[in-house]
Amino acid sequence: MQEQQENKYSTNSNAKEEISKLESRYQFCGHALKITRDFSNNLGISAIIWEAGLVLCRYFEQEKISFSGKKVIELGSGTGIVGILAVLLGGDVTLTDQSMVLDQIKFNVTNNIPGPIQQQAKVAALVWGENQDQFPTNFDFILGSDIVYSSRDFPALIQTLQHLSNQNTVIYICSKMRESMGAIGFHEKLLPQHFKTEIVHRTADKEINVFKVTKIDPVDGIEKLM
């Protein structure tokens, strides 16, 4: 992975006005990405390229992960960097976030995915715990980077993961292990109640982990209770 440069620009004619967009350039798996963050629409944390997202992209690169012919959904897409890379690696990807974030994702999809394969990228609003039932349950992969951010959202996140996944679904969650935000408790106590989970990659400082998660087989769950 190589971050090449950042370009700052404003959509306003007055040069003195605050910069409204920031473009960062990366390269993963041989694909050059230009990711734009939109600061003009009060997107807050959704306008940040989180380090966990870069770590997950780097993991796909190191492990030579292929999504060719697979159905993929990304939760909390934000800028869309992870989902966009999944499309470029062959996936049929649904990038999701709150409705106010979708324009930012669509902008980056258009700028990074060649026209002939843009139909492999779908952008949709998904509010955890509210409208996940509108989405199918046959995804091959579920992706999420720094989505374990607020403990008040954990029950809705678990509910959403349960709906979207089946016994064959592979879930990759990349998290910064913030004890103050409850990430450690989520991964060590809450998530294992519903899913099998293992750490498949850890950064040198051990602050960011990539978890490979799969649904617990109902038979296994019954055996544990016996």
C-alpha atoms as a PDB file:
ATOM      1  CA  MET A   1       0.000   0.000   0.000  1.00  0.00           C
ATOM      2  CA  GLN A   2       1.216   3.463  -0.818  1.00  0.00           C
ATOM      3  CA  GLU A   3      -0.433   6.773  -0.039  1.00  0.00           C
ATOM      4  CA  GLN A   4       0.677   9.138  -2.769  1.00  0.00           C
ATOM      5  CA  GLN A   5      -0.663  12.583  -2.010  1.00  0.00           C
ATOM      6  CA  GLU A   6      -3.550  14.700  -0.836  1.00  0.00           C
ATOM      7  CA  ASN A   7      -5.263  17.392  -2.871  1.00  0.00           C
ATOM      8  CA  LYS A   8      -7.354  20.032  -1.161  1.00  0.00           C
ATOM      9  CA  TYR A   9      -9.959  21.962  -3.087  1.00  0.00           C
ATOM     10  CA  SER A  10     -13.099  23.983  -2.558  1.00  0.00           C
ATOM     11  CA  THR A  11     -16.337  23.895  -4.482  1.00  0.00           C
ATOM     12  CA  ASN A  12     -16.823  27.582  -3.670  1.00  0.00           C
ATOM     13  CA  SER A  13     -15.603  30.455  -5.809  1.00  0.00           C
ATOM     14  CA  ASN A  14     -14.246  32.364  -2.823  1.00  0.00           C
ATOM     15  CA  ALA A  15     -10.717  31.043  -2.283  1.00  0.00           C
ATOM     16  CA  LYS A  16     -10.772  32.246   1.322  1.00  0.00           C
ATOM     17  CA  GLU A  17     -13.639  29.949   2.214  1.00  0.00           C
ATOM     18  CA  GLU A  18     -12.942  26.745   4.077  1.00  0.00           C
ATOM     19  CA  ILE A  19     -11.753  23.780   2.041  1.00  0.00           C
ATOM     20  CA  SER A  20     -14.810  21.601   1.385  1.00  0.00           C
ATOM     21  CA  LYS A  21     -13.226  18.504  -0.158  1.00  0.00           C
ATOM     22  CA  LEU A  22     -10.022  16.587   0.378  1.00  0.00           C
ATOM     23  CA  GLU A  23      -8.728  13.949  -2.019  1.00  0.00           C
ATOM     24  CA  SER A  24      -6.306  11.272  -0.844  1.00  0.00           C
ATOM     25  CA  ARG A  25      -4.595   8.802  -3.149  1.00  0.00           C
ATOM     26  CA  TYR A  26      -3.749   5.203  -2.332  1.00  0.00           C
ATOM     27  CA  GLN A  27      -2.687   2.084  -4.135  1.00  0.00           C
ATOM     28  CA  PHE A  28      -3.827  -1.403  -3.152  1.00  0.00           C
ATOM     29  CA  CYS A  29      -3.626  -4.654  -5.092  1.00  0.00           C
ATOM     30  CA  GLY A  30      -2.349  -2.771  -8.126  1.00  0.00           C
ATOM     31  CA  HIS A  31      -5.334  -0.411  -8.151  1.00  0.00           C
ATOM     32  CA  ALA A  32      -4.860   3.358  -7.791  1.00  0.00           C
ATOM     33  CA  LEU A  33      -7.609   4.874  -5.645  1.00  0.00           C
ATOM     34  CA  LYS A  34      -8.598   8.532  -5.382  1.00  0.00           C
ATOM     35  CA  ILE A  35     -10.784   8.902  -2.317  1.00  0.00           C
ATOM     36  CA  THR A  36     -12.563  12.202  -1.721  1.00  0.00           C
ATOM     37  CA  ARG A  37     -13.872  13.290   1.660  1.00  0.00           C
ATOM     38  CA  ASP A  38     -16.726  15.779   1.626  1.00  0.00           C
ATOM     39  CA  PHE A  39     -16.603  18.274   4.491  1.00  0.00           C
ATOM     40  CA  SER A  40     -19.396  20.466   3.144  1.00  0.00           C
ATOM     41  CA  ASN A  41     -22.349  18.380   4.324  1.00  0.00           C
ATOM     42  CA  ASN A  42     -21.600  17.875   8.020  1.00  0.00           C
ATOM     43  CA  LEU A  43     -20.867  14.177   7.592  1.00  0.00           C
ATOM     44  CA  GLY A  44     -18.770  14.104  10.746  1.00  0.00           C
ATOM     45  CA  ILE A  45     -16.936  10.812  11.264  1.00  0.00           C
ATOM     46  CA  SER A  46     -18.248   9.544   7.914  1.00  0.00           C
ATOM     47  CA  ALA A  47     -15.881  11.963   6.150  1.00  0.00           C
ATOM     48  CA  ILE A  48     -12.820  10.361   7.727  1.00  0.00           C
ATOM     49  CA  ILE A  49     -10.646   7.714   6.086  1.00  0.00           C
ATOM     50  CA  TRP A  50     -10.154   5.571   9.168  1.00  0.00           C
ATOM     51  CA  GLU A  51      -6.865   3.763   9.660  1.00  0.00           C
ATOM     52  CA  ALA A  52      -8.816   0.544  10.181  1.00  0.00           C
ATOM     53  CA  GLY A  53     -10.128   0.829   6.629  1.00  0.00           C
ATOM     54  CA  LEU A  54      -6.596   1.103   5.278  1.00  0.00           C
ATOM     55  CA  VAL A  55      -5.500  -1.850   7.415  1.00  0.00           C
ATOM     56  CA  LEU A  56      -8.344  -3.968   6.006  1.00  0.00           C
ATOM     57  CA  CYS A  57      -7.420  -3.001   2.439  1.00  0.00           C
ATOM     58  CA  ARG A  58      -3.809  -3.863   3.199  1.00  0.00           C
ATOM     59  CA  TYR A  59      -4.924  -7.232   4.585  1.00  0.00           C
ATOM     60  CA  PHE A  60      -6.789  -8.010   1.355  1.00  0.00           C
ATOM     61  CA  GLU A  61      -3.611  -7.128  -0.530  1.00  0.00           C
ATOM     62  CA  GLN A  62      -1.293  -9.213   1.652  1.00  0.00           C
ATOM     63  CA  GLU A  63      -3.570 -12.252   1.646  1.00  0.00           C
ATOM     64  CA  LYS A  64      -4.441 -11.901  -2.053  1.00  0.00           C
ATOM     65  CA  ILE A  65      -8.144 -11.990  -1.226  1.00  0.00           C
ATOM     66  CA  SER A  66     -10.423 -12.321  -4.250  1.00  0.00           C
ATOM     67  CA  PHE A  67     -14.108 -11.433  -4.277  1.00  0.00           C
ATOM     68  CA  SER A  68     -14.594 -12.599  -7.852  1.00  0.00           C
ATOM     69  CA  GLY A  69     -18.179 -13.674  -8.422  1.00  0.00           C
ATOM     70  CA  LYS A  70     -19.084 -13.127  -4.757  1.00  0.00           C
ATOM     71  CA  LYS A  71     -21.919 -11.128  -3.211  1.00  0.00           C
ATOM     72  CA  VAL A  72     -20.481  -8.613  -0.752  1.00  0.00           C
ATOM     73  CA  ILE A  73     -22.005  -5.988   1.525  1.00  0.00           C
ATOM     74  CA  GLU A  74     -20.070  -3.296   3.375  1.00  0.00           C
ATOM     75  CA  LEU A  75     -21.483  -1.758   6.544  1.00  0.00           C
ATOM     76  CA  GLY A  76     -20.686   1.838   7.462  1.00  0.00           C
ATOM     77  CA  SER A  77     -18.965   2.493   4.141  1.00  0.00           C
ATOM     78  CA  GLY A  78     -18.158   6.146   4.870  1.00  0.00           C
ATOM     79  CA  THR A  79     -15.889   7.133   1.992  1.00  0.00           C
ATOM     80  CA  GLY A  80     -16.361   3.724   0.375  1.00  0.00           C
ATOM     81  CA  ILE A  81     -12.673   2.853   0.139  1.00  0.00           C
ATOM     82  CA  VAL A  82     -13.044  -0.758   1.331  1.00  0.00           C
ATOM     83  CA  GLY A  83     -16.129  -1.524  -0.746  1.00  0.00           C
ATOM     84  CA  ILE A  84     -14.610   0.074  -3.838  1.00  0.00           C
ATOM     85  CA  LEU A  85     -11.519  -2.108  -3.525  1.00  0.00           C
ATOM     86  CA  ALA A  86     -13.786  -5.152  -3.141  1.00  0.00           C
ATOM     87  CA  VAL A  87     -15.462  -4.261  -6.453  1.00  0.00           C
ATOM     88  CA  LEU A  88     -12.081  -3.911  -8.149  1.00  0.00           C
ATOM     89  CA  LEU A  89     -11.214  -7.349  -6.748  1.00  0.00           C
ATOM     90  CA  GLY A  90     -14.199  -8.824  -8.559  1.00  0.00           C
ATOM     91  CA  GLY A  91     -17.050  -8.544  -6.076  1.00  0.00           C
ATOM     92  CA  ASP A  92     -20.682  -7.624  -6.593  1.00  0.00           C
ATOM     93  CA  VAL A  93     -20.726  -5.128  -3.738  1.00  0.00           C
ATOM     94  CA  THR A  94     -23.456  -3.232  -1.909  1.00  0.00           C
ATOM     95  CA  LEU A  95     -21.949  -0.241  -0.083  1.00  0.00           C
ATOM     96  CA  THR A  96     -24.171   0.963   2.753  1.00  0.00           C
ATOM     97  CA  ASP A  97     -24.348   3.806   5.219  1.00  0.00           C
ATOM     98  CA  GLN A  98     -26.820   6.397   6.438  1.00  0.00           C
ATOM     99  CA  SER A  99     -28.668   8.270   3.689  1.00  0.00           C
ATOM    100  CA  MET A 100     -26.756  11.532   4.190  1.00  0.00           C
ATOM    101  CA  VAL A 101     -23.470   9.757   3.379  1.00  0.00           C
ATOM    102  CA  LEU A 102     -24.559   8.165   0.104  1.00  0.00           C
ATOM    103  CA  ASP A 103     -23.583  11.069  -2.181  1.00  0.00           C
ATOM    104  CA  GLN A 104     -19.992  10.897  -0.919  1.00  0.00           C
ATOM    105  CA  ILE A 105     -19.893   7.143  -1.580  1.00  0.00           C
ATOM    106  CA  LYS A 106     -21.425   7.531  -5.052  1.00  0.00           C
ATOM    107  CA  PHE A 107     -18.869  10.225  -5.931  1.00  0.00           C
ATOM    108  CA  ASN A 108     -15.992   7.919  -5.027  1.00  0.00           C
ATOM    109  CA  VAL A 109     -17.563   4.940  -6.789  1.00  0.00           C
ATOM    110  CA  THR A 110     -17.866   6.965  -9.990  1.00  0.00           C
ATOM    111  CA  ASN A 111     -14.286   8.244  -9.728  1.00  0.00           C
ATOM    112  CA  ASN A 112     -12.655   4.896  -8.990  1.00  0.00           C
ATOM    113  CA  ILE A 113     -14.589   2.117 -10.684  1.00  0.00           C
ATOM    114  CA  PRO A 114     -14.381   1.824 -14.489  1.00  0.00           C
ATOM    115  CA  GLY A 115     -17.674   2.200 -16.334  1.00  0.00           C
ATOM    116  CA  PRO A 116     -17.920  -1.407 -17.564  1.00  0.00           C
ATOM    117  CA  ILE A 117     -17.969  -2.761 -13.994  1.00  0.00           C
ATOM    118  CA  GLN A 118     -19.786   0.055 -12.190  1.00  0.00           C
ATOM    119  CA  GLN A 119     -22.918  -2.105 -12.206  1.00  0.00           C
ATOM    120  CA  GLN A 120     -21.099  -4.319  -9.699  1.00  0.00           C
ATOM    121  CA  ALA A 121     -21.330  -1.477  -7.148  1.00  0.00           C
ATOM    122  CA  LYS A 122     -24.636  -0.622  -5.512  1.00  0.00           C
ATOM    123  CA  VAL A 123     -25.039   2.149  -2.941  1.00  0.00           C
ATOM    124  CA  ALA A 124     -27.885   1.924  -0.449  1.00  0.00           C
ATOM    125  CA  ALA A 125     -29.042   3.382   2.856  1.00  0.00           C
ATOM    126  CA  LEU A 126     -28.896   0.943   5.756  1.00  0.00           C
ATOM    127  CA  VAL A 127     -29.661   1.859   9.345  1.00  0.00           C
ATOM    128  CA  TRP A 128     -28.630  -0.944  11.678  1.00  0.00           C
ATOM    129  CA  GLY A 129     -31.497  -2.462  13.589  1.00  0.00           C
ATOM    130  CA  GLU A 130     -34.098  -0.680  11.461  1.00  0.00           C
ATOM    131  CA  ASN A 131     -34.162  -1.612   7.780  1.00  0.00           C
ATOM    132  CA  GLN A 132     -31.785  -4.555   7.429  1.00  0.00           C
ATOM    133  CA  ASP A 133     -34.794  -6.740   6.597  1.00  0.00           C
ATOM    134  CA  GLN A 134     -34.912  -4.983   3.211  1.00  0.00           C
ATOM    135  CA  PHE A 135     -31.603  -6.646   2.310  1.00  0.00           C
ATOM    136  CA  PRO A 136     -31.023 -10.295   1.337  1.00  0.00           C
ATOM    137  CA  THR A 137     -29.491 -12.902   3.605  1.00  0.00           C
ATOM    138  CA  ASN A 138     -27.258 -14.662   1.082  1.00  0.00           C
ATOM    139  CA  PHE A 139     -24.117 -12.515   1.109  1.00  0.00           C
ATOM    140  CA  ASP A 140     -20.818 -14.345   0.733  1.00  0.00           C
ATOM    141  CA  PHE A 141     -18.912 -11.600   2.548  1.00  0.00           C
ATOM    142  CA  ILE A 142     -19.748  -8.809   4.988  1.00  0.00           C
ATOM    143  CA  LEU A 143     -17.118  -6.095   5.453  1.00  0.00           C
ATOM    144  CA  GLY A 144     -16.786  -3.451   8.142  1.00  0.00           C
ATOM    145  CA  SER A 145     -13.949  -1.172   9.217  1.00  0.00           C
ATOM    146  CA  ASP A 146     -14.136   0.798  12.459  1.00  0.00           C
ATOM    147  CA  ILE A 147     -17.841   0.058  12.778  1.00  0.00           C
ATOM    148  CA  VAL A 148     -17.401  -1.010  16.426  1.00  0.00           C
ATOM    149  CA  TYR A 149     -17.387   2.580  17.564  1.00  0.00           C
ATOM    150  CA  SER A 150     -20.267   3.219  19.956  1.00  0.00           C
ATOM    151  CA  SER A 151     -21.580   0.755  22.531  1.00  0.00           C
ATOM    152  CA  ARG A 152     -25.126   2.037  22.130  1.00  0.00           C
ATOM    153  CA  ASP A 153     -25.089   0.710  18.548  1.00  0.00           C
ATOM    154  CA  PHE A 154     -23.801  -2.772  19.411  1.00  0.00           C
ATOM    155  CA  PRO A 155     -27.214  -4.512  19.750  1.00  0.00           C
ATOM    156  CA  ALA A 156     -28.352  -3.087  16.393  1.00  0.00           C
ATOM    157  CA  LEU A 157     -25.055  -4.093  14.769  1.00  0.00           C
ATOM    158  CA  ILE A 158     -25.376  -7.670  16.050  1.00  0.00           C
ATOM    159  CA  GLN A 159     -28.980  -7.799  14.840  1.00  0.00           C
ATOM    160  CA  THR A 160     -27.920  -6.570  11.396  1.00  0.00           C
ATOM    161  CA  LEU A 161     -25.030  -9.031  11.114  1.00  0.00           C
ATOM    162  CA  GLN A 162     -27.349 -11.878  12.085  1.00  0.00           C
ATOM    163  CA  HIS A 163     -29.864 -10.967   9.391  1.00  0.00           C
ATOM    164  CA  LEU A 164     -27.356 -10.445   6.574  1.00  0.00           C
ATOM    165  CA  SER A 165     -25.332 -13.605   7.200  1.00  0.00           C
ATOM    166  CA  ASN A 166     -25.806 -17.331   6.822  1.00  0.00           C
ATOM    167  CA  GLN A 167     -23.638 -20.311   7.764  1.00  0.00           C
ATOM    168  CA  ASN A 168     -21.404 -19.776   4.708  1.00  0.00           C
ATOM    169  CA  THR A 169     -20.915 -16.016   5.090  1.00  0.00           C
ATOM    170  CA  VAL A 170     -17.440 -14.743   5.941  1.00  0.00           C
ATOM    171  CA  ILE A 171     -17.408 -11.473   7.885  1.00  0.00           C
ATOM    172  CA  TYR A 172     -14.289  -9.313   8.064  1.00  0.00           C
ATOM    173  CA  ILE A 173     -14.380  -6.658  10.777  1.00  0.00           C
ATOM    174  CA  CYS A 174     -11.353  -4.431  11.280  1.00  0.00           C
ATOM    175  CA  SER A 175     -11.420  -2.562  14.575  1.00  0.00           C
ATOM    176  CA  LYS A 176      -9.270  -0.187  16.518  1.00  0.00           C
ATOM    177  CA  MET A 177      -9.344  -1.698  19.985  1.00  0.00           C
ATOM    178  CA  ARG A 178     -10.614   1.310  21.926  1.00  0.00           C
ATOM    179  CA  GLU A 179     -11.386   0.167  25.448  1.00  0.00           C
ATOM    180  CA  SER A 180     -13.184   3.438  26.170  1.00  0.00           C
ATOM    181  CA  MET A 181     -15.570   2.816  23.243  1.00  0.00           C
ATOM    182  CA  GLY A 182     -16.281  -0.773  24.237  1.00  0.00           C
ATOM    183  CA  ALA A 183     -14.525  -2.391  21.268  1.00  0.00           C
ATOM    184  CA  ILE A 184     -12.639  -4.882  23.430  1.00  0.00           C
ATOM    185  CA  GLY A 185     -15.799  -6.015  25.202  1.00  0.00           C
ATOM    186  CA  PHE A 186     -17.655  -6.267  21.893  1.00  0.00           C
ATOM    187  CA  HIS A 187     -15.076  -8.551  20.298  1.00  0.00           C
ATOM    188  CA  GLU A 188     -14.207 -10.597  23.384  1.00  0.00           C
ATOM    189  CA  LYS A 189     -17.623 -10.999  25.012  1.00  0.00           C
ATOM    190  CA  LEU A 190     -20.619  -9.866  22.936  1.00  0.00           C
ATOM    191  CA  LEU A 191     -19.746 -11.010  19.409  1.00  0.00           C
ATOM    192  CA  PRO A 192     -18.672 -14.553  20.463  1.00  0.00           C
ATOM    193  CA  GLN A 193     -22.157 -15.125  21.888  1.00  0.00           C
ATOM    194  CA  HIS A 194     -23.490 -15.165  18.336  1.00  0.00           C
ATOM    195  CA  PHE A 195     -20.525 -15.801  16.017  1.00  0.00           C
ATOM    196  CA  LYS A 196     -17.253 -17.686  15.784  1.00  0.00           C
ATOM    197  CA  THR A 197     -14.481 -15.121  15.724  1.00  0.00           C
ATOM    198  CA  GLU A 198     -10.715 -15.174  15.281  1.00  0.00           C
ATOM    199  CA  ILE A 199      -8.011 -12.553  14.865  1.00  0.00           C
ATOM    200  CA  VAL A 200      -6.391 -13.059  11.453  1.00  0.00           C
ATOM    201  CA  HIS A 201      -4.233  -9.932  11.418  1.00  0.00           C
ATOM    202  CA  ARG A 202      -2.919  -7.497  13.996  1.00  0.00           C
ATOM    203  CA  THR A 203      -0.944  -4.302  13.460  1.00  0.00           C
ATOM    204  CA  ALA A 204       2.523  -4.068  14.986  1.00  0.00           C
ATOM    205  CA  ASP A 205       1.296  -1.820  17.790  1.00  0.00           C
ATOM    206  CA  LYS A 206      -1.612  -4.243  18.432  1.00  0.00           C
ATOM    207  CA  GLU A 207      -4.077  -1.367  18.317  1.00  0.00           C
ATOM    208  CA  ILE A 208      -5.950  -2.523  15.199  1.00  0.00           C
ATOM    209  CA  ASN A 209      -7.152  -6.088  14.623  1.00  0.00           C
ATOM    210  CA  VAL A 210      -8.751  -7.800  11.644  1.00  0.00           C
ATOM    211  CA  PHE A 211     -11.340 -10.346  12.778  1.00  0.00           C
ATOM    212  CA  LYS A 212     -12.672 -13.170  10.626  1.00  0.00           C
ATOM    213  CA  VAL A 213     -16.179 -13.934  11.812  1.00  0.00           C
ATOM    214  CA  THR A 214     -18.652 -16.675  10.894  1.00  0.00           C
ATOM    215  CA  LYS A 215     -22.068 -17.586  12.162  1.00  0.00           C
ATOM    216  CA  ILE A 216     -22.293 -20.203  14.901  1.00  0.00           C
ATOM    217  CA  ASP A 217     -23.852 -23.416  13.611  1.00  0.00           C
ATOM    218  CA  PRO A 218     -27.185 -23.952  15.417  1.00  0.00           C
ATOM    219  CA  VAL A 219     -26.093 -27.509  16.260  1.00  0.00           C
ATOM    220  CA  ASP A 220     -22.905 -26.202  17.876  1.00  0.00           C
ATOM    221  CA  GLY A 221     -24.950 -23.735  19.876  1.00  0.00           C
ATOM    222  CA  ILE A 222     -27.222 -26.497  21.178  1.00  0.00           C
ATOM    223  CA  GLU A 223     -24.250 -28.673  22.114  1.00  0.00           C
ATOM    224  CA  LYS A 224     -22.735 -25.845  24.148  1.00  0.00           C
ATOM    225  CA  LEU A 225     -25.963 -25.514  26.122  1.00  0.00           C
ATOM    226  CA  MET A 226     -26.090 -29.241  26.934  1.00  0.00           C
END
